[in-house]
All heavy atoms as atom14 arrays in JSON, in Angstrom:
{
  "sequence": "GYMEPDEAEEYMIKAARLAQASYSSWIEYATAYIIGVQFVDCVL",
  "atom14_mask": [
    [1, 1, 1, 1, 0, 0, 0, 0, 0, 0, 0, 0, 0, 0],
    [1, 1, 1, 1, 1, 1, 1, 1, 1, 1, 1, 1, 0, 0],
    [1, 1, 1, 1, 1, 1, 1, 1, 0, 0, 0, 0, 0, 0],
    [1, 1, 1, 1, 1, 1, 1, 1, 1, 0, 0, 0, 0, 0],
    [1, 1, 1, 1, 1, 1, 1, 0, 0, 0, 0, 0, 0, 0],
    [1, 1, 1, 1, 1, 1, 1, 1, 0, 0, 0, 0, 0, 0],
    [1, 1, 1, 1, 1, 1, 1, 1, 1, 0, 0, 0, 0, 0],
    [1, 1, 1, 1, 1, 0, 0, 0, 0, 0, 0, 0, 0, 0],
    [1, 1, 1, 1, 1, 1, 1, 1, 1, 0, 0, 0, 0, 0],
    [1, 1, 1, 1, 1, 1, 1, 1, 1, 0, 0, 0, 0, 0],
    [1, 1, 1, 1, 1, 1, 1, 1, 1, 1, 1, 1, 0, 0],
    [1, 1, 1, 1, 1, 1, 1, 1, 0, 0, 0, 0, 0, 0],
    [1, 1, 1, 1, 1, 1, 1, 1, 0, 0, 0, 0, 0, 0],
    [1, 1, 1, 1, 1, 1, 1, 1, 1, 0, 0, 0, 0, 0],
    [1, 1, 1, 1, 1, 0, 0, 0, 0, 0, 0, 0, 0, 0],
    [1, 1, 1, 1, 1, 0, 0, 0, 0, 0, 0, 0, 0, 0],
    [1, 1, 1, 1, 1, 1, 1, 1, 1, 1, 1, 0, 0, 0],
    [1, 1, 1, 1, 1, 1, 1, 1, 0, 0, 0, 0, 0, 0],
    [1, 1, 1, 1, 1, 0, 0, 0, 0, 0, 0, 0, 0, 0],
    [1, 1, 1, 1, 1, 1, 1, 1, 1, 0, 0, 0, 0, 0],
    [1, 1, 1, 1, 1, 0, 0, 0, 0, 0, 0, 0, 0, 0],
    [1, 1, 1, 1, 1, 1, 0, 0, 0, 0, 0, 0, 0, 0],
    [1, 1, 1, 1, 1, 1, 1, 1, 1, 1, 1, 1, 0, 0],
    [1, 1, 1, 1, 1, 1, 0, 0, 0, 0, 0, 0, 0, 0],
    [1, 1, 1, 1, 1, 1, 0, 0, 0, 0, 0, 0, 0, 0],
    [1, 1, 1, 1, 1, 1, 1, 1, 1, 1, 1, 1, 1, 1],
    [1, 1, 1, 1, 1, 1, 1, 1, 0, 0, 0, 0, 0, 0],
    [1, 1, 1, 1, 1, 1, 1, 1, 1, 0, 0, 0, 0, 0],
    [1, 1, 1, 1, 1, 1, 1, 1, 1, 1, 1, 1, 0, 0],
    [1, 1, 1, 1, 1, 0, 0, 0, 0, 0, 0, 0, 0, 0],
    [1, 1, 1, 1, 1, 1, 1, 0, 0, 0, 0, 0, 0, 0],
    [1, 1, 1, 1, 1, 0, 0, 0, 0, 0, 0, 0, 0, 0],
    [1, 1, 1, 1, 1, 1, 1, 1, 1, 1, 1, 1, 0, 0],
    [1, 1, 1, 1, 1, 1, 1, 1, 0, 0, 0, 0, 0, 0],
    [1, 1, 1, 1, 1, 1, 1, 1, 0, 0, 0, 0, 0, 0],
    [1, 1, 1, 1, 0, 0, 0, 0, 0, 0, 0, 0, 0, 0],
    [1, 1, 1, 1, 1, 1, 1, 0, 0, 0, 0, 0, 0, 0],
    [1, 1, 1, 1, 1, 1, 1, 1, 1, 0, 0, 0, 0, 0],
    [1, 1, 1, 1, 1, 1, 1, 1, 1, 1, 1, 0, 0, 0],
    [1, 1, 1, 1, 1, 1, 1, 0, 0, 0, 0, 0, 0, 0],
    [1, 1, 1, 1, 1, 1, 1, 1, 0, 0, 0, 0, 0, 0],
    [1, 1, 1, 1, 1, 1, 0, 0, 0, 0, 0, 0, 0, 0],
    [1, 1, 1, 1, 1, 1, 1, 0, 0, 0, 0, 0, 0, 0],
    [1, 1, 1, 1, 1, 1, 1, 1, 0, 0, 0, 0, 0, 0]
  ],
  "atom14_positions": [
    [[84.03, 107.88, -28.23], [83.04, 106.83, -28.14], [83.0, 105.87, -29.31], [82.06, 105.09, -29.47], [0.0, 0.0, 0.0], [0.0, 0.0, 0.0], [0.0, 0.0, 0.0], [0.0, 0.0, 0.0], [0.0, 0.0, 0.0], [0.0, 0.0, 0.0], [0.0, 0.0, 0.0], [0.0, 0.0, 0.0], [0.0, 0.0, 0.0], [0.0, 0.0, 0.0]],
    [[84.07, 105.9, -30.15], [84.13, 104.99, -31.3], [84.65, 103.61, -30.91], [84.56, 102.67, -31.69], [85.06, 105.56, -32.39], [84.54, 106.78, -33.11], [83.34, 107.38, -32.76], [85.27, 107.34, -34.15], [82.88, 108.51, -33.44], [84.83, 108.47, -34.83], [83.64, 109.04, -34.46], [83.19, 110.15, -35.13], [0.0, 0.0, 0.0], [0.0, 0.0, 0.0]],
    [[85.24, 103.51, -29.72], [85.9, 102.28, -29.31], [85.87, 102.16, -27.8], [86.0, 103.16, -27.08], [87.35, 102.29, -29.83], [88.18, 101.09, -29.49], [89.83, 101.19, -30.27], [89.42, 100.66, -31.94], [0.0, 0.0, 0.0], [0.0, 0.0, 0.0], [0.0, 0.0, 0.0], [0.0, 0.0, 0.0], [0.0, 0.0, 0.0], [0.0, 0.0, 0.0]],
    [[85.71, 100.94, -27.3], [85.72, 100.71, -25.85], [87.14, 100.9, -25.3], [88.12, 100.6, -26.0], [85.24, 99.29, -25.53], [83.77, 99.05, -25.84], [82.86, 99.92, -24.98], [83.17, 100.11, -23.78], [81.86, 100.43, -25.51], [0.0, 0.0, 0.0], [0.0, 0.0, 0.0], [0.0, 0.0, 0.0], [0.0, 0.0, 0.0], [0.0, 0.0, 0.0]],
    [[87.26, 101.37, -24.07], [88.59, 101.63, -23.49], [89.53, 100.42, -23.53], [90.71, 100.56, -23.84], [88.27, 102.04, -22.05], [86.91, 102.64, -22.13], [86.18, 101.84, -23.18], [0.0, 0.0, 0.0], [0.0, 0.0, 0.0], [0.0, 0.0, 0.0], [0.0, 0.0, 0.0], [0.0, 0.0, 0.0], [0.0, 0.0, 0.0], [0.0, 0.0, 0.0]],
    [[89.02, 99.23, -23.21], [89.89, 98.04, -23.2], [90.44, 97.75, -24.58], [91.62, 97.37, -24.74], [89.12, 96.83, -22.68], [88.86, 96.9, -21.18], [89.45, 97.78, -20.52], [88.06, 96.09, -20.68], [0.0, 0.0, 0.0], [0.0, 0.0, 0.0], [0.0, 0.0, 0.0], [0.0, 0.0, 0.0], [0.0, 0.0, 0.0], [0.0, 0.0, 0.0]],
    [[89.6, 97.91, -25.61], [90.05, 97.63, -26.97], [91.04, 98.7, -27.44], [92.05, 98.38, -28.09], [88.85, 97.58, -27.92], [89.19, 97.06, -29.3], [87.96, 96.81, -30.14], [86.91, 97.44, -29.88], [88.04, 95.97, -31.07], [0.0, 0.0, 0.0], [0.0, 0.0, 0.0], [0.0, 0.0, 0.0], [0.0, 0.0, 0.0], [0.0, 0.0, 0.0]],
    [[90.77, 99.95, -27.1], [91.69, 101.03, -27.46], [93.05, 100.82, -26.81], [94.1, 100.98, -27.43], [91.1, 102.38, -27.05], [0.0, 0.0, 0.0], [0.0, 0.0, 0.0], [0.0, 0.0, 0.0], [0.0, 0.0, 0.0], [0.0, 0.0, 0.0], [0.0, 0.0, 0.0], [0.0, 0.0, 0.0], [0.0, 0.0, 0.0], [0.0, 0.0, 0.0]],
    [[93.03, 100.44, -25.53], [94.29, 100.2, -24.83], [95.06, 99.05, -25.46], [96.29, 99.09, -25.57], [94.02, 99.89, -23.36], [95.31, 99.69, -22.57], [95.08, 99.47, -21.09], [93.93, 99.22, -20.68], [96.06, 99.51, -20.35], [0.0, 0.0, 0.0], [0.0, 0.0, 0.0], [0.0, 0.0, 0.0], [0.0, 0.0, 0.0], [0.0, 0.0, 0.0]],
    [[94.36, 98.03, -25.91], [95.03, 96.9, -26.56], [95.78, 97.35, -27.82], [96.93, 96.97, -28.05], [94.0, 95.82, -26.92], [94.61, 94.58, -27.52], [93.58, 93.5, -27.84], [92.42, 93.63, -27.37], [93.93, 92.54, -28.55], [0.0, 0.0, 0.0], [0.0, 0.0, 0.0], [0.0, 0.0, 0.0], [0.0, 0.0, 0.0], [0.0, 0.0, 0.0]],
    [[95.14, 98.19, -28.63], [95.81, 98.72, -29.83], [97.01, 99.59, -29.44], [98.08, 99.48, -30.03], [94.83, 99.56, -30.65], [94.01, 98.76, -31.64], [92.68, 98.45, -31.38], [94.56, 98.31, -32.84], [91.91, 97.72, -32.28], [93.81, 97.58, -33.75], [92.48, 97.28, -33.47], [91.73, 96.54, -34.37], [0.0, 0.0, 0.0], [0.0, 0.0, 0.0]],
    [[96.82, 100.44, -28.44], [97.9, 101.34, -28.03], [99.1, 100.57, -27.5], [100.25, 100.88, -27.83], [97.39, 102.34, -26.98], [96.45, 103.38, -27.56], [96.06, 104.75, -26.41], [94.83, 103.96, -25.37], [0.0, 0.0, 0.0], [0.0, 0.0, 0.0], [0.0, 0.0, 0.0], [0.0, 0.0, 0.0], [0.0, 0.0, 0.0], [0.0, 0.0, 0.0]],
    [[98.86, 99.56, -26.69], [99.96, 98.77, -26.13], [100.67, 97.99, -27.23], [101.91, 97.89, -27.24], [99.44, 97.82, -25.04], [98.93, 98.62, -23.84], [100.52, 96.85, -24.59], [99.97, 99.49, -23.17], [0.0, 0.0, 0.0], [0.0, 0.0, 0.0], [0.0, 0.0, 0.0], [0.0, 0.0, 0.0], [0.0, 0.0, 0.0], [0.0, 0.0, 0.0]],
    [[99.92, 97.44, -28.17], [100.56, 96.73, -29.3], [101.51, 97.66, -30.04], [102.66, 97.31, -30.33], [99.49, 96.2, -30.26], [98.83, 94.91, -29.85], [97.85, 94.46, -30.92], [97.13, 93.17, -30.53], [96.12, 92.78, -31.55], [0.0, 0.0, 0.0], [0.0, 0.0, 0.0], [0.0, 0.0, 0.0], [0.0, 0.0, 0.0], [0.0, 0.0, 0.0]],
    [[101.02, 98.85, -30.37], [101.85, 99.8, -31.11], [103.06, 100.24, -30.3], [104.18, 100.35, -30.82], [101.01, 101.01, -31.52], [0.0, 0.0, 0.0], [0.0, 0.0, 0.0], [0.0, 0.0, 0.0], [0.0, 0.0, 0.0], [0.0, 0.0, 0.0], [0.0, 0.0, 0.0], [0.0, 0.0, 0.0], [0.0, 0.0, 0.0], [0.0, 0.0, 0.0]],
    [[102.86, 100.46, -29.0], [103.96, 100.89, -28.14], [105.04, 99.83, -28.05], [106.24, 100.13, -28.09], [103.42, 101.23, -26.75], [0.0, 0.0, 0.0], [0.0, 0.0, 0.0], [0.0, 0.0, 0.0], [0.0, 0.0, 0.0], [0.0, 0.0, 0.0], [0.0, 0.0, 0.0], [0.0, 0.0, 0.0], [0.0, 0.0, 0.0], [0.0, 0.0, 0.0]],
    [[104.64, 98.59, -27.91], [105.62, 97.5, -27.8], [106.36, 97.3, -29.12], [107.56, 97.0, -29.13], [104.92, 96.22, -27.35], [104.54, 96.27, -25.87], [103.74, 95.07, -25.41], [103.5, 95.15, -23.97], [102.58, 94.44, -23.32], [101.81, 93.59, -24.0], [102.43, 94.57, -22.01], [0.0, 0.0, 0.0], [0.0, 0.0, 0.0], [0.0, 0.0, 0.0]],
    [[105.67, 97.47, -30.24], [106.34, 97.39, -31.53], [107.35, 98.52, -31.67], [108.45, 98.3, -32.19], [105.31, 97.45, -32.66], [104.49, 96.18, -32.89], [103.3, 96.46, -33.81], [105.35, 95.07, -33.47], [0.0, 0.0, 0.0], [0.0, 0.0, 0.0], [0.0, 0.0, 0.0], [0.0, 0.0, 0.0], [0.0, 0.0, 0.0], [0.0, 0.0, 0.0]],
    [[107.0, 99.71, -31.21], [107.93, 100.84, -31.26], [109.16, 100.56, -30.4], [110.3, 100.78, -30.83], [107.23, 102.11, -30.8], [0.0, 0.0, 0.0], [0.0, 0.0, 0.0], [0.0, 0.0, 0.0], [0.0, 0.0, 0.0], [0.0, 0.0, 0.0], [0.0, 0.0, 0.0], [0.0, 0.0, 0.0], [0.0, 0.0, 0.0], [0.0, 0.0, 0.0]],
    [[108.94, 100.06, -29.19], [110.06, 99.75, -28.3], [110.98, 98.69, -28.92], [112.2, 98.76, -28.76], [109.54, 99.25, -26.96], [109.42, 100.31, -25.91], [109.2, 99.73, -24.53], [108.73, 98.61, -24.36], [109.52, 100.51, -23.51], [0.0, 0.0, 0.0], [0.0, 0.0, 0.0], [0.0, 0.0, 0.0], [0.0, 0.0, 0.0], [0.0, 0.0, 0.0]],
    [[110.38, 97.72, -29.59], [111.18, 96.65, -30.2], [111.93, 97.13, -31.45], [112.91, 96.52, -31.86], [110.28, 95.47, -30.56], [0.0, 0.0, 0.0], [0.0, 0.0, 0.0], [0.0, 0.0, 0.0], [0.0, 0.0, 0.0], [0.0, 0.0, 0.0], [0.0, 0.0, 0.0], [0.0, 0.0, 0.0], [0.0, 0.0, 0.0], [0.0, 0.0, 0.0]],
    [[111.45, 98.23, -32.04], [112.0, 98.71, -33.3], [113.11, 99.74, -33.13], [113.98, 99.88, -34.0], [110.89, 99.31, -34.17], [109.88, 98.37, -34.45], [0.0, 0.0, 0.0], [0.0, 0.0, 0.0], [0.0, 0.0, 0.0], [0.0, 0.0, 0.0], [0.0, 0.0, 0.0], [0.0, 0.0, 0.0], [0.0, 0.0, 0.0], [0.0, 0.0, 0.0]],
    [[113.09, 100.48, -32.03], [114.04, 101.57, -31.82], [114.7, 101.44, -30.45], [114.15, 100.8, -29.56], [113.33, 102.93, -31.95], [112.6, 103.08, -33.27], [111.23, 102.9, -33.36], [113.3, 103.36, -34.44], [110.57, 103.01, -34.57], [112.65, 103.47, -35.66], [111.28, 103.28, -35.72], [110.63, 103.37, -36.92], [0.0, 0.0, 0.0], [0.0, 0.0, 0.0]],
    [[115.83, 102.08, -30.3], [116.6, 101.93, -29.06], [116.55, 103.16, -28.17], [117.08, 103.13, -27.06], [118.06, 101.61, -29.39], [118.64, 102.67, -30.14], [0.0, 0.0, 0.0], [0.0, 0.0, 0.0], [0.0, 0.0, 0.0], [0.0, 0.0, 0.0], [0.0, 0.0, 0.0], [0.0, 0.0, 0.0], [0.0, 0.0, 0.0], [0.0, 0.0, 0.0]],
    [[115.93, 104.25, -28.65], [115.92, 105.48, -27.87], [114.83, 106.42, -28.39], [114.31, 106.23, -29.51], [117.27, 106.19, -27.96], [117.48, 106.66, -29.29], [0.0, 0.0, 0.0], [0.0, 0.0, 0.0], [0.0, 0.0, 0.0], [0.0, 0.0, 0.0], [0.0, 0.0, 0.0], [0.0, 0.0, 0.0], [0.0, 0.0, 0.0], [0.0, 0.0, 0.0]],
    [[114.52, 107.44, -27.59], [113.57, 108.46, -28.04], [114.09, 109.2, -29.26], [113.31, 109.54, -30.16], [113.3, 109.45, -26.9], [112.44, 108.92, -25.8], [112.79, 108.7, -24.5], [111.06, 108.53, -25.9], [111.73, 108.2, -23.79], [110.64, 108.09, -24.63], [110.13, 108.52, -26.95], [109.35, 107.64, -24.37], [108.84, 108.07, -26.71], [108.47, 107.64, -25.42]],
    [[115.38, 109.46, -29.3], [115.95, 110.19, -30.44], [115.77, 109.39, -31.72], [115.36, 109.93, -32.76], [117.43, 110.52, -30.19], [117.56, 111.59, -29.11], [118.11, 110.99, -31.48], [118.98, 111.96, -28.75], [0.0, 0.0, 0.0], [0.0, 0.0, 0.0], [0.0, 0.0, 0.0], [0.0, 0.0, 0.0], [0.0, 0.0, 0.0], [0.0, 0.0, 0.0]],
    [[116.05, 108.1, -31.66], [115.9, 107.26, -32.85], [114.44, 107.19, -33.29], [114.12, 107.29, -34.48], [116.43, 105.85, -32.56], [116.62, 105.0, -33.81], [117.27, 103.67, -33.48], [118.49, 103.64, -33.29], [116.54, 102.67, -33.43], [0.0, 0.0, 0.0], [0.0, 0.0, 0.0], [0.0, 0.0, 0.0], [0.0, 0.0, 0.0], [0.0, 0.0, 0.0]],
    [[113.55, 107.04, -32.32], [112.11, 106.98, -32.61], [111.61, 108.29, -33.22], [110.94, 108.29, -34.27], [111.37, 106.68, -31.31], [109.86, 106.84, -31.36], [109.06, 105.85, -31.92], [109.25, 107.97, -30.84], [107.67, 105.99, -31.95], [107.88, 108.12, -30.87], [107.08, 107.14, -31.42], [105.72, 107.28, -31.46], [0.0, 0.0, 0.0], [0.0, 0.0, 0.0]],
    [[111.93, 109.41, -32.59], [111.45, 110.71, -33.06], [112.03, 111.04, -34.44], [111.34, 111.61, -35.3], [111.8, 111.81, -32.06], [0.0, 0.0, 0.0], [0.0, 0.0, 0.0], [0.0, 0.0, 0.0], [0.0, 0.0, 0.0], [0.0, 0.0, 0.0], [0.0, 0.0, 0.0], [0.0, 0.0, 0.0], [0.0, 0.0, 0.0], [0.0, 0.0, 0.0]],
    [[113.29, 110.7, -34.66], [113.91, 110.95, -35.96], [113.21, 110.16, -37.06], [112.93, 110.69, -38.15], [115.4, 110.57, -35.91], [116.06, 111.36, -34.91], [116.07, 110.8, -37.26], [0.0, 0.0, 0.0], [0.0, 0.0, 0.0], [0.0, 0.0, 0.0], [0.0, 0.0, 0.0], [0.0, 0.0, 0.0], [0.0, 0.0, 0.0], [0.0, 0.0, 0.0]],
    [[112.9, 108.9, -36.78], [112.18, 108.08, -37.76], [110.8, 108.66, -38.04], [110.34, 108.66, -39.19], [112.06, 106.65, -37.25], [0.0, 0.0, 0.0], [0.0, 0.0, 0.0], [0.0, 0.0, 0.0], [0.0, 0.0, 0.0], [0.0, 0.0, 0.0], [0.0, 0.0, 0.0], [0.0, 0.0, 0.0], [0.0, 0.0, 0.0], [0.0, 0.0, 0.0]],
    [[110.13, 109.15, -37.0], [108.81, 109.78, -37.19], [108.93, 111.0, -38.11], [108.14, 111.17, -39.04], [108.22, 110.19, -35.84], [106.93, 110.96, -36.0], [105.71, 110.29, -36.04], [106.93, 112.35, -36.14], [104.53, 110.99, -36.23], [105.76, 113.04, -36.33], [104.56, 112.36, -36.37], [103.39, 113.06, -36.57], [0.0, 0.0, 0.0], [0.0, 0.0, 0.0]],
    [[109.91, 111.86, -37.84], [110.09, 113.09, -38.62], [110.35, 112.76, -40.09], [109.8, 113.4, -40.99], [111.24, 113.92, -38.02], [110.82, 114.47, -36.64], [111.65, 115.06, -38.94], [111.98, 114.95, -35.79], [0.0, 0.0, 0.0], [0.0, 0.0, 0.0], [0.0, 0.0, 0.0], [0.0, 0.0, 0.0], [0.0, 0.0, 0.0], [0.0, 0.0, 0.0]],
    [[111.19, 111.78, -40.33], [111.47, 111.36, -41.72], [110.21, 110.79, -42.34], [109.91, 111.03, -43.52], [112.63, 110.36, -41.75], [113.93, 111.04, -41.31], [112.8, 109.76, -43.15], [115.1, 110.1, -41.1], [0.0, 0.0, 0.0], [0.0, 0.0, 0.0], [0.0, 0.0, 0.0], [0.0, 0.0, 0.0], [0.0, 0.0, 0.0], [0.0, 0.0, 0.0]],
    [[109.42, 110.04, -41.56], [108.18, 109.47, -42.07], [107.19, 110.53, -42.52], [106.55, 110.41, -43.58], [0.0, 0.0, 0.0], [0.0, 0.0, 0.0], [0.0, 0.0, 0.0], [0.0, 0.0, 0.0], [0.0, 0.0, 0.0], [0.0, 0.0, 0.0], [0.0, 0.0, 0.0], [0.0, 0.0, 0.0], [0.0, 0.0, 0.0], [0.0, 0.0, 0.0]],
    [[107.04, 111.58, -41.73], [106.14, 112.68, -42.11], [106.59, 113.3, -43.42], [105.78, 113.56, -44.33], [106.08, 113.75, -41.01], [105.3, 114.97, -41.49], [105.43, 113.2, -39.75], [0.0, 0.0, 0.0], [0.0, 0.0, 0.0], [0.0, 0.0, 0.0], [0.0, 0.0, 0.0], [0.0, 0.0, 0.0], [0.0, 0.0, 0.0], [0.0, 0.0, 0.0]],
    [[107.88, 113.52, -43.57], [108.4, 114.11, -44.81], [108.2, 113.18, -46.0], [107.93, 113.64, -47.11], [109.87, 114.45, -44.63], [110.11, 115.56, -43.61], [111.59, 115.79, -43.38], [112.22, 116.59, -44.08], [112.17, 115.07, -42.44], [0.0, 0.0, 0.0], [0.0, 0.0, 0.0], [0.0, 0.0, 0.0], [0.0, 0.0, 0.0], [0.0, 0.0, 0.0]],
    [[108.32, 111.88, -45.77], [108.09, 110.9, -46.84], [106.65, 110.98, -47.33], [106.39, 111.0, -48.53], [108.4, 109.49, -46.32], [108.04, 108.39, -47.28], [108.82, 108.15, -48.41], [106.94, 107.58, -47.06], [108.5, 107.13, -49.29], [106.61, 106.57, -47.94], [107.39, 106.34, -49.06], [0.0, 0.0, 0.0], [0.0, 0.0, 0.0], [0.0, 0.0, 0.0]],
    [[105.7, 111.05, -46.4], [104.28, 111.13, -46.77], [103.98, 112.46, -47.45], [103.25, 112.52, -48.45], [103.4, 110.95, -45.52], [101.93, 111.23, -45.85], [103.55, 109.53, -44.98], [0.0, 0.0, 0.0], [0.0, 0.0, 0.0], [0.0, 0.0, 0.0], [0.0, 0.0, 0.0], [0.0, 0.0, 0.0], [0.0, 0.0, 0.0], [0.0, 0.0, 0.0]],
    [[104.56, 113.55, -46.95], [104.23, 114.89, -47.44], [104.97, 115.29, -48.71], [104.59, 116.29, -49.33], [104.55, 115.94, -46.36], [103.56, 115.92, -45.22], [102.56, 115.17, -45.3], [103.78, 116.65, -44.23], [0.0, 0.0, 0.0], [0.0, 0.0, 0.0], [0.0, 0.0, 0.0], [0.0, 0.0, 0.0], [0.0, 0.0, 0.0], [0.0, 0.0, 0.0]],
    [[105.99, 114.55, -49.1], [106.84, 115.01, -50.2], [106.11, 115.06, -51.54], [106.6, 115.69, -52.48], [108.11, 114.16, -50.31], [107.84, 112.47, -50.93], [0.0, 0.0, 0.0], [0.0, 0.0, 0.0], [0.0, 0.0, 0.0], [0.0, 0.0, 0.0], [0.0, 0.0, 0.0], [0.0, 0.0, 0.0], [0.0, 0.0, 0.0], [0.0, 0.0, 0.0]],
    [[104.95, 114.43, -51.64], [104.19, 114.46, -52.89], [103.2, 115.63, -52.93], [102.57, 115.87, -53.96], [103.41, 113.14, -53.11], [104.37, 111.96, -53.15], [102.35, 112.93, -52.03], [0.0, 0.0, 0.0], [0.0, 0.0, 0.0], [0.0, 0.0, 0.0], [0.0, 0.0, 0.0], [0.0, 0.0, 0.0], [0.0, 0.0, 0.0], [0.0, 0.0, 0.0]],
    [[103.06, 116.35, -51.82], [102.09, 117.44, -51.75], [102.65, 118.71, -52.37], [103.85, 118.96, -52.32], [101.69, 117.71, -50.29], [101.09, 116.53, -49.53], [100.83, 116.94, -48.08], [99.8, 116.05, -50.19], [0.0, 0.0, 0.0], [0.0, 0.0, 0.0], [0.0, 0.0, 0.0], [0.0, 0.0, 0.0], [0.0, 0.0, 0.0], [0.0, 0.0, 0.0]]
  ]
}
C-alpha cells in the first residue's frame, strides 16, 4: 500500500525495458546481477 498499482507498474516497466535494452539474454542479465551482488557485498 505504499504505491498505487499504476505507478508501480510504470516503474517496473521502465526498469524491465532498460534491462532488455542493456542485455541480450537471461544468462547475460543474471550474470551481471550476480557480479553486482558481489560488488556490493565485497566490503562486508
